[in-house]
Amino acid sequence: MSERCRRALEKLNLHGLSLLVEKGDSVLFTSREKQLKPLLQAISILGQAFRGATVTDKAVGGAAAKLLVYVSAGEVFTPLATKIGVKILQQAAIPLEAVKTVDHIVSDDGRPCKMEVLAELISNPKDYYIEVCKQLL
């Protein structure tokens, strides 16, 4: 793990955050909310300022990865990623450092998260963003 990743994850834990978006020395967005809501809020608030930002997220599954591709994040740090999340970010050439990688993010009922499954079905990041907004907002 790089020093930058370690420091970013420490910040996330120290402040009880689920999402931290930074650019250079500036913090652009933070949230303590769960699931995709913080990332959707950050996209709505930051718009083009998201481009090239460093994102530290509590978990990066396929859904978060697809949204991070949509906004052209610069790099991503996380304690937990899924295999599909890793693949999506690799295909978009967005650097990712994850402490642990798992097969899927699972819902409370033990099934793979429906937003992650949807990320595998919708290849275009913009189309995915529009669909997620319809379903979650």
N, C-alpha and C. Protein backbone atom coordinates (compact mmCIF):
# COMPACT_ATOMS: atom_id res chain seq x y z
N MET A 1 0.85 -1.17 0.00
CA MET A 1 0.00 0.00 0.00
C MET A 1 0.90 1.24 0.00
N SER A 2 0.56 2.19 -0.85
CA SER A 2 1.34 3.42 -0.92
C SER A 2 1.08 4.29 0.32
N GLU A 3 1.99 5.19 0.57
CA GLU A 3 1.84 6.12 1.69
C GLU A 3 0.61 7.01 1.50
N ARG A 4 0.36 7.44 0.27
CA ARG A 4 -0.82 8.28 -0.01
C ARG A 4 -2.11 7.53 0.30
N CYS A 5 -2.16 6.26 -0.08
CA CYS A 5 -3.34 5.45 0.20
C CYS A 5 -3.50 5.26 1.70
N ARG A 6 -2.44 4.94 2.39
CA ARG A 6 -2.51 4.73 3.83
C ARG A 6 -3.03 5.98 4.54
N ARG A 7 -2.52 7.16 4.15
CA ARG A 7 -2.98 8.41 4.77
C ARG A 7 -4.45 8.69 4.46
N ALA A 8 -4.85 8.44 3.23
CA ALA A 8 -6.24 8.67 2.85
C ALA A 8 -7.19 7.76 3.64
N LEU A 9 -6.81 6.49 3.78
CA LEU A 9 -7.65 5.56 4.55
C LEU A 9 -7.68 5.92 6.03
N GLU A 10 -6.56 6.43 6.55
CA GLU A 10 -6.54 6.90 7.94
C GLU A 10 -7.51 8.05 8.14
N LYS A 11 -7.53 8.99 7.19
CA LYS A 11 -8.45 10.14 7.25
C LYS A 11 -9.90 9.65 7.26
N LEU A 12 -10.19 8.70 6.37
CA LEU A 12 -11.54 8.15 6.27
C LEU A 12 -11.97 7.58 7.62
N ASN A 13 -11.11 6.76 8.23
CA ASN A 13 -11.42 6.13 9.51
C ASN A 13 -11.46 7.13 10.66
N LEU A 14 -10.48 8.02 10.71
CA LEU A 14 -10.38 8.99 11.80
C LEU A 14 -11.63 9.85 11.91
N HIS A 15 -12.19 10.23 10.77
CA HIS A 15 -13.36 11.11 10.76
C HIS A 15 -14.68 10.36 10.57
N GLY A 16 -14.63 9.03 10.55
CA GLY A 16 -15.84 8.23 10.39
C GLY A 16 -16.54 8.45 9.06
N LEU A 17 -15.76 8.66 8.01
CA LEU A 17 -16.34 8.96 6.70
C LEU A 17 -16.58 7.70 5.88
N SER A 18 -17.51 7.82 4.96
CA SER A 18 -17.71 6.76 3.98
C SER A 18 -17.14 7.18 2.63
N LEU A 19 -17.01 8.50 2.41
CA LEU A 19 -16.49 9.02 1.14
C LEU A 19 -15.71 10.30 1.39
N LEU A 20 -14.56 10.39 0.74
CA LEU A 20 -13.69 11.56 0.80
C LEU A 20 -13.22 11.85 -0.61
N VAL A 21 -13.49 13.07 -1.10
CA VAL A 21 -13.06 13.47 -2.44
C VAL A 21 -12.12 14.65 -2.28
N GLU A 22 -10.89 14.50 -2.80
CA GLU A 22 -9.87 15.54 -2.66
C GLU A 22 -9.23 15.84 -4.01
N LYS A 23 -8.72 17.06 -4.11
CA LYS A 23 -7.95 17.45 -5.28
C LYS A 23 -6.79 18.28 -4.76
N GLY A 24 -5.58 17.77 -4.95
CA GLY A 24 -4.42 18.44 -4.37
C GLY A 24 -4.55 18.43 -2.85
N ASP A 25 -4.42 19.60 -2.24
CA ASP A 25 -4.56 19.71 -0.78
C ASP A 25 -5.98 20.10 -0.35
N SER A 26 -6.89 20.18 -1.30
CA SER A 26 -8.26 20.63 -0.99
C SER A 26 -9.23 19.46 -0.85
N VAL A 27 -10.02 19.50 0.20
CA VAL A 27 -11.10 18.54 0.37
C VAL A 27 -12.32 19.11 -0.34
N LEU A 28 -12.82 18.37 -1.35
CA LEU A 28 -13.96 18.84 -2.14
C LEU A 28 -15.29 18.35 -1.58
N PHE A 29 -15.28 17.16 -0.96
CA PHE A 29 -16.55 16.57 -0.50
C PHE A 29 -16.25 15.49 0.52
N THR A 30 -17.08 15.41 1.54
CA THR A 30 -17.03 14.31 2.50
C THR A 30 -18.45 13.87 2.83
N SER A 31 -18.59 12.63 3.24
CA SER A 31 -19.90 12.13 3.67
C SER A 31 -19.71 10.97 4.63
N ARG A 32 -20.72 10.80 5.48
CA ARG A 32 -20.77 9.65 6.39
C ARG A 32 -21.93 8.72 6.02
N GLU A 33 -22.67 9.08 4.99
CA GLU A 33 -23.82 8.27 4.58
C GLU A 33 -23.37 6.97 3.95
N LYS A 34 -24.32 6.03 3.80
CA LYS A 34 -24.00 4.69 3.32
C LYS A 34 -24.36 4.50 1.85
N GLN A 35 -23.83 3.44 1.30
CA GLN A 35 -24.09 2.95 -0.05
C GLN A 35 -23.71 3.97 -1.12
N LEU A 36 -24.52 4.13 -2.17
CA LEU A 36 -24.17 5.00 -3.29
C LEU A 36 -24.59 6.45 -3.11
N LYS A 37 -25.41 6.71 -2.11
CA LYS A 37 -25.93 8.07 -1.94
C LYS A 37 -24.83 9.13 -1.86
N PRO A 38 -23.77 8.94 -1.08
CA PRO A 38 -22.73 9.97 -1.01
C PRO A 38 -22.06 10.23 -2.36
N LEU A 39 -21.82 9.19 -3.12
CA LEU A 39 -21.18 9.37 -4.42
C LEU A 39 -22.11 10.10 -5.38
N LEU A 40 -23.39 9.79 -5.36
CA LEU A 40 -24.35 10.49 -6.21
C LEU A 40 -24.45 11.97 -5.81
N GLN A 41 -24.44 12.23 -4.50
CA GLN A 41 -24.46 13.62 -4.03
C GLN A 41 -23.21 14.37 -4.49
N ALA A 42 -22.05 13.74 -4.36
CA ALA A 42 -20.80 14.36 -4.76
C ALA A 42 -20.80 14.68 -6.25
N ILE A 43 -21.31 13.77 -7.06
CA ILE A 43 -21.39 14.00 -8.51
C ILE A 43 -22.27 15.20 -8.80
N SER A 44 -23.42 15.26 -8.13
CA SER A 44 -24.35 16.36 -8.32
C SER A 44 -23.75 17.70 -7.91
N ILE A 45 -23.06 17.73 -6.80
CA ILE A 45 -22.49 18.97 -6.27
C ILE A 45 -21.23 19.40 -7.02
N LEU A 46 -20.35 18.46 -7.30
CA LEU A 46 -19.04 18.80 -7.86
C LEU A 46 -19.02 18.93 -9.38
N GLY A 47 -19.86 18.18 -10.06
CA GLY A 47 -19.86 18.25 -11.52
C GLY A 47 -18.47 18.02 -12.10
N GLN A 48 -18.02 18.94 -12.96
CA GLN A 48 -16.72 18.80 -13.63
C GLN A 48 -15.53 18.89 -12.68
N ALA A 49 -15.72 19.45 -11.49
CA ALA A 49 -14.63 19.54 -10.52
C ALA A 49 -14.19 18.15 -10.06
N PHE A 50 -15.04 17.15 -10.28
CA PHE A 50 -14.72 15.78 -9.89
C PHE A 50 -13.59 15.21 -10.75
N ARG A 51 -13.46 15.71 -11.97
CA ARG A 51 -12.48 15.19 -12.93
C ARG A 51 -11.06 15.24 -12.34
N GLY A 52 -10.40 14.09 -12.29
CA GLY A 52 -9.04 14.02 -11.81
C GLY A 52 -8.88 13.99 -10.29
N ALA A 53 -9.99 13.96 -9.56
CA ALA A 53 -9.93 13.99 -8.10
C ALA A 53 -9.48 12.64 -7.54
N THR A 54 -8.94 12.70 -6.34
CA THR A 54 -8.60 11.49 -5.59
C THR A 54 -9.81 11.13 -4.75
N VAL A 55 -10.28 9.90 -4.89
CA VAL A 55 -11.48 9.45 -4.20
C VAL A 55 -11.11 8.33 -3.23
N THR A 56 -11.48 8.51 -1.97
CA THR A 56 -11.32 7.46 -0.97
C THR A 56 -12.73 7.06 -0.55
N ASP A 57 -13.07 5.81 -0.83
CA ASP A 57 -14.43 5.33 -0.60
C ASP A 57 -14.35 4.09 0.28
N LYS A 58 -15.32 3.95 1.19
CA LYS A 58 -15.34 2.83 2.13
C LYS A 58 -15.40 1.48 1.41
N ALA A 59 -16.09 1.45 0.27
CA ALA A 59 -16.18 0.22 -0.54
C ALA A 59 -16.37 0.62 -2.00
N VAL A 60 -15.64 -0.05 -2.89
CA VAL A 60 -15.76 0.23 -4.32
C VAL A 60 -16.14 -1.05 -5.04
N GLY A 61 -17.45 -1.17 -5.25
CA GLY A 61 -17.96 -2.27 -6.06
C GLY A 61 -18.14 -1.80 -7.49
N GLY A 62 -18.79 -2.61 -8.28
CA GLY A 62 -19.02 -2.26 -9.67
C GLY A 62 -19.80 -0.97 -9.83
N ALA A 63 -20.77 -0.76 -8.94
CA ALA A 63 -21.60 0.44 -9.04
C ALA A 63 -20.77 1.71 -8.82
N ALA A 64 -20.02 1.75 -7.73
CA ALA A 64 -19.19 2.92 -7.46
C ALA A 64 -18.15 3.10 -8.55
N ALA A 65 -17.55 2.01 -8.99
CA ALA A 65 -16.53 2.09 -10.04
C ALA A 65 -17.09 2.69 -11.32
N LYS A 66 -18.27 2.24 -11.72
CA LYS A 66 -18.89 2.75 -12.94
C LYS A 66 -19.17 4.25 -12.81
N LEU A 67 -19.61 4.69 -11.63
CA LEU A 67 -19.85 6.11 -11.40
C LEU A 67 -18.54 6.90 -11.40
N LEU A 68 -17.48 6.32 -10.86
CA LEU A 68 -16.19 6.99 -10.84
C LEU A 68 -15.61 7.13 -12.25
N VAL A 69 -15.89 6.17 -13.11
CA VAL A 69 -15.50 6.29 -14.52
C VAL A 69 -16.31 7.41 -15.16
N TYR A 70 -17.59 7.48 -14.86
CA TYR A 70 -18.47 8.52 -15.42
C TYR A 70 -17.93 9.92 -15.13
N VAL A 71 -17.41 10.14 -13.93
CA VAL A 71 -16.92 11.48 -13.55
C VAL A 71 -15.42 11.65 -13.80
N SER A 72 -14.77 10.64 -14.34
CA SER A 72 -13.33 10.69 -14.63
C SER A 72 -12.49 10.97 -13.40
N ALA A 73 -12.72 10.19 -12.35
CA ALA A 73 -11.89 10.31 -11.14
C ALA A 73 -10.43 10.06 -11.52
N GLY A 74 -9.53 10.65 -10.75
CA GLY A 74 -8.11 10.51 -11.05
C GLY A 74 -7.49 9.26 -10.47
N GLU A 75 -7.87 8.92 -9.24
CA GLU A 75 -7.37 7.72 -8.57
C GLU A 75 -8.33 7.38 -7.44
N VAL A 76 -8.29 6.11 -7.03
CA VAL A 76 -9.24 5.63 -6.03
C VAL A 76 -8.51 4.80 -4.99
N PHE A 77 -8.82 5.08 -3.71
CA PHE A 77 -8.31 4.31 -2.58
C PHE A 77 -9.49 3.73 -1.82
N THR A 78 -9.37 2.48 -1.38
CA THR A 78 -10.47 1.86 -0.63
C THR A 78 -9.96 0.69 0.21
N PRO A 79 -10.61 0.47 1.35
CA PRO A 79 -10.27 -0.74 2.11
C PRO A 79 -10.86 -2.00 1.46
N LEU A 80 -11.92 -1.84 0.63
CA LEU A 80 -12.62 -3.00 0.09
C LEU A 80 -13.10 -2.73 -1.34
N ALA A 81 -12.70 -3.58 -2.26
CA ALA A 81 -13.16 -3.48 -3.65
C ALA A 81 -13.69 -4.85 -4.07
N THR A 82 -14.52 -4.83 -5.11
CA THR A 82 -14.98 -6.09 -5.68
C THR A 82 -14.22 -6.34 -6.98
N LYS A 83 -14.24 -7.58 -7.41
CA LYS A 83 -13.54 -7.93 -8.65
C LYS A 83 -14.07 -7.14 -9.83
N ILE A 84 -15.38 -6.96 -9.91
CA ILE A 84 -15.94 -6.19 -11.03
C ILE A 84 -15.56 -4.71 -10.91
N GLY A 85 -15.50 -4.20 -9.70
CA GLY A 85 -15.07 -2.80 -9.50
C GLY A 85 -13.64 -2.61 -9.97
N VAL A 86 -12.77 -3.54 -9.62
CA VAL A 86 -11.37 -3.49 -10.06
C VAL A 86 -11.31 -3.51 -11.58
N LYS A 87 -12.06 -4.42 -12.20
CA LYS A 87 -12.05 -4.57 -13.66
C LYS A 87 -12.53 -3.29 -14.35
N ILE A 88 -13.61 -2.70 -13.86
CA ILE A 88 -14.16 -1.49 -14.47
C ILE A 88 -13.14 -0.35 -14.40
N LEU A 89 -12.51 -0.17 -13.25
CA LEU A 89 -11.53 0.91 -13.12
C LEU A 89 -10.29 0.62 -13.96
N GLN A 90 -9.84 -0.61 -14.02
CA GLN A 90 -8.69 -0.97 -14.87
C GLN A 90 -8.97 -0.66 -16.33
N GLN A 91 -10.15 -1.02 -16.79
CA GLN A 91 -10.51 -0.78 -18.20
C GLN A 91 -10.52 0.71 -18.53
N ALA A 92 -10.82 1.54 -17.53
CA ALA A 92 -10.85 2.99 -17.72
C ALA A 92 -9.51 3.64 -17.40
N ALA A 93 -8.51 2.83 -17.04
CA ALA A 93 -7.17 3.32 -16.68
C ALA A 93 -7.19 4.28 -15.50
N ILE A 94 -8.08 4.00 -14.53
CA ILE A 94 -8.13 4.78 -13.29
C ILE A 94 -7.43 3.96 -12.22
N PRO A 95 -6.32 4.48 -11.68
CA PRO A 95 -5.58 3.72 -10.66
C PRO A 95 -6.41 3.46 -9.41
N LEU A 96 -6.31 2.24 -8.91
CA LEU A 96 -7.03 1.82 -7.71
C LEU A 96 -6.07 1.12 -6.77
N GLU A 97 -6.14 1.48 -5.49
CA GLU A 97 -5.45 0.73 -4.45
C GLU A 97 -6.51 0.26 -3.47
N ALA A 98 -6.61 -1.06 -3.33
CA ALA A 98 -7.58 -1.66 -2.42
C ALA A 98 -6.85 -2.56 -1.44
N VAL A 99 -7.25 -2.49 -0.18
CA VAL A 99 -6.65 -3.35 0.84
C VAL A 99 -7.09 -4.79 0.62
N LYS A 100 -8.36 -4.98 0.29
CA LYS A 100 -8.93 -6.32 0.13
C LYS A 100 -9.86 -6.32 -1.07
N THR A 101 -9.89 -7.43 -1.80
CA THR A 101 -10.80 -7.59 -2.93
C THR A 101 -11.67 -8.81 -2.69
N VAL A 102 -12.98 -8.65 -2.93
CA VAL A 102 -13.94 -9.73 -2.75
C VAL A 102 -14.72 -9.94 -4.05
N ASP A 103 -15.47 -11.02 -4.12
CA ASP A 103 -16.24 -11.30 -5.33
C ASP A 103 -17.34 -10.27 -5.58
N HIS A 104 -18.16 -10.03 -4.56
CA HIS A 104 -19.31 -9.13 -4.71
C HIS A 104 -19.59 -8.39 -3.42
N ILE A 105 -20.23 -7.25 -3.55
CA ILE A 105 -20.85 -6.61 -2.39
C ILE A 105 -22.22 -7.26 -2.28
N VAL A 106 -22.57 -7.69 -1.09
CA VAL A 106 -23.85 -8.38 -0.92
C VAL A 106 -24.84 -7.52 -0.16
N SER A 107 -26.11 -7.69 -0.51
CA SER A 107 -27.20 -7.01 0.17
C SER A 107 -27.46 -7.70 1.50
N ASP A 108 -28.35 -7.14 2.27
CA ASP A 108 -28.70 -7.72 3.57
C ASP A 108 -29.23 -9.15 3.44
N ASP A 109 -29.84 -9.47 2.28
CA ASP A 109 -30.40 -10.81 2.08
C ASP A 109 -29.35 -11.81 1.57
N GLY A 110 -28.08 -11.38 1.45
CA GLY A 110 -27.01 -12.28 1.04
C GLY A 110 -26.80 -12.37 -0.46
N ARG A 111 -27.63 -11.69 -1.23
CA ARG A 111 -27.49 -11.70 -2.69
C ARG A 111 -26.54 -10.59 -3.13
N PRO A 112 -25.93 -10.74 -4.32
CA PRO A 112 -25.10 -9.65 -4.84
C PRO A 112 -25.94 -8.37 -4.97
N CYS A 113 -25.33 -7.25 -4.63
CA CYS A 113 -26.00 -5.95 -4.69
C CYS A 113 -26.55 -5.71 -6.09
N LYS A 114 -27.81 -5.28 -6.17
CA LYS A 114 -28.45 -5.13 -7.48
C LYS A 114 -27.80 -4.01 -8.30
N MET A 115 -27.26 -2.99 -7.64
CA MET A 115 -26.59 -1.91 -8.37
C MET A 115 -25.28 -2.39 -8.98
N GLU A 116 -24.62 -3.33 -8.31
CA GLU A 116 -23.39 -3.91 -8.86
C GLU A 116 -23.71 -4.80 -10.07
N VAL A 117 -24.77 -5.58 -9.96
CA VAL A 117 -25.21 -6.41 -11.08
C VAL A 117 -25.56 -5.51 -12.27
N LEU A 118 -26.26 -4.43 -12.01
CA LEU A 118 -26.65 -3.48 -13.05
C LEU A 118 -25.41 -2.87 -13.72
N ALA A 119 -24.36 -2.63 -12.94
CA ALA A 119 -23.12 -2.07 -13.49
C ALA A 119 -22.49 -3.01 -14.51
N GLU A 120 -22.70 -4.30 -14.33
CA GLU A 120 -22.18 -5.27 -15.29
C GLU A 120 -23.04 -5.31 -16.56
N LEU A 121 -24.31 -4.98 -16.43
CA LEU A 121 -25.24 -5.05 -17.57
C LEU A 121 -25.22 -3.80 -18.44
N ILE A 122 -24.96 -2.63 -17.85
CA ILE A 122 -24.97 -1.37 -18.60
C ILE A 122 -23.52 -0.92 -18.80
N SER A 123 -23.05 -1.01 -20.03
CA SER A 123 -21.64 -0.73 -20.28
C SER A 123 -21.30 0.75 -20.30
N ASN A 124 -22.19 1.61 -20.76
CA ASN A 124 -21.90 3.03 -20.86
C ASN A 124 -22.06 3.71 -19.50
N PRO A 125 -21.01 4.34 -18.97
CA PRO A 125 -21.09 4.97 -17.64
C PRO A 125 -22.17 6.05 -17.52
N LYS A 126 -22.39 6.83 -18.56
CA LYS A 126 -23.43 7.86 -18.49
C LYS A 126 -24.82 7.22 -18.41
N ASP A 127 -25.06 6.20 -19.21
CA ASP A 127 -26.33 5.49 -19.16
C ASP A 127 -26.54 4.85 -17.78
N TYR A 128 -25.46 4.33 -17.22
CA TYR A 128 -25.53 3.74 -15.89
C TYR A 128 -25.90 4.79 -14.85
N TYR A 129 -25.25 5.94 -14.91
CA TYR A 129 -25.54 7.03 -13.98
C TYR A 129 -27.02 7.43 -14.05
N ILE A 130 -27.53 7.57 -15.25
CA ILE A 130 -28.94 7.96 -15.44
C ILE A 130 -29.86 6.91 -14.82
N GLU A 131 -29.57 5.64 -15.05
CA GLU A 131 -30.41 4.55 -14.51
C GLU A 131 -30.35 4.51 -12.98
N VAL A 132 -29.15 4.66 -12.42
CA VAL A 132 -29.01 4.66 -10.97
C VAL A 132 -29.79 5.82 -10.35
N CYS A 133 -29.71 6.98 -10.96
CA CYS A 133 -30.46 8.14 -10.45
C CYS A 133 -31.96 7.87 -10.47
N LYS A 134 -32.44 7.25 -11.55
CA LYS A 134 -33.86 6.90 -11.63
C LYS A 134 -34.27 5.97 -10.50
N GLN A 135 -33.41 5.00 -10.20
CA GLN A 135 -33.77 4.00 -9.19
C GLN A 135 -33.56 4.46 -7.76
N LEU A 136 -32.58 5.32 -7.51
CA LEU A 136 -32.23 5.66 -6.14
C LEU A 136 -32.62 7.06 -5.70
N LEU A 137 -32.85 7.96 -6.65
CA LEU A 137 -33.17 9.34 -6.24
C LEU A 137 -34.62 9.69 -6.43
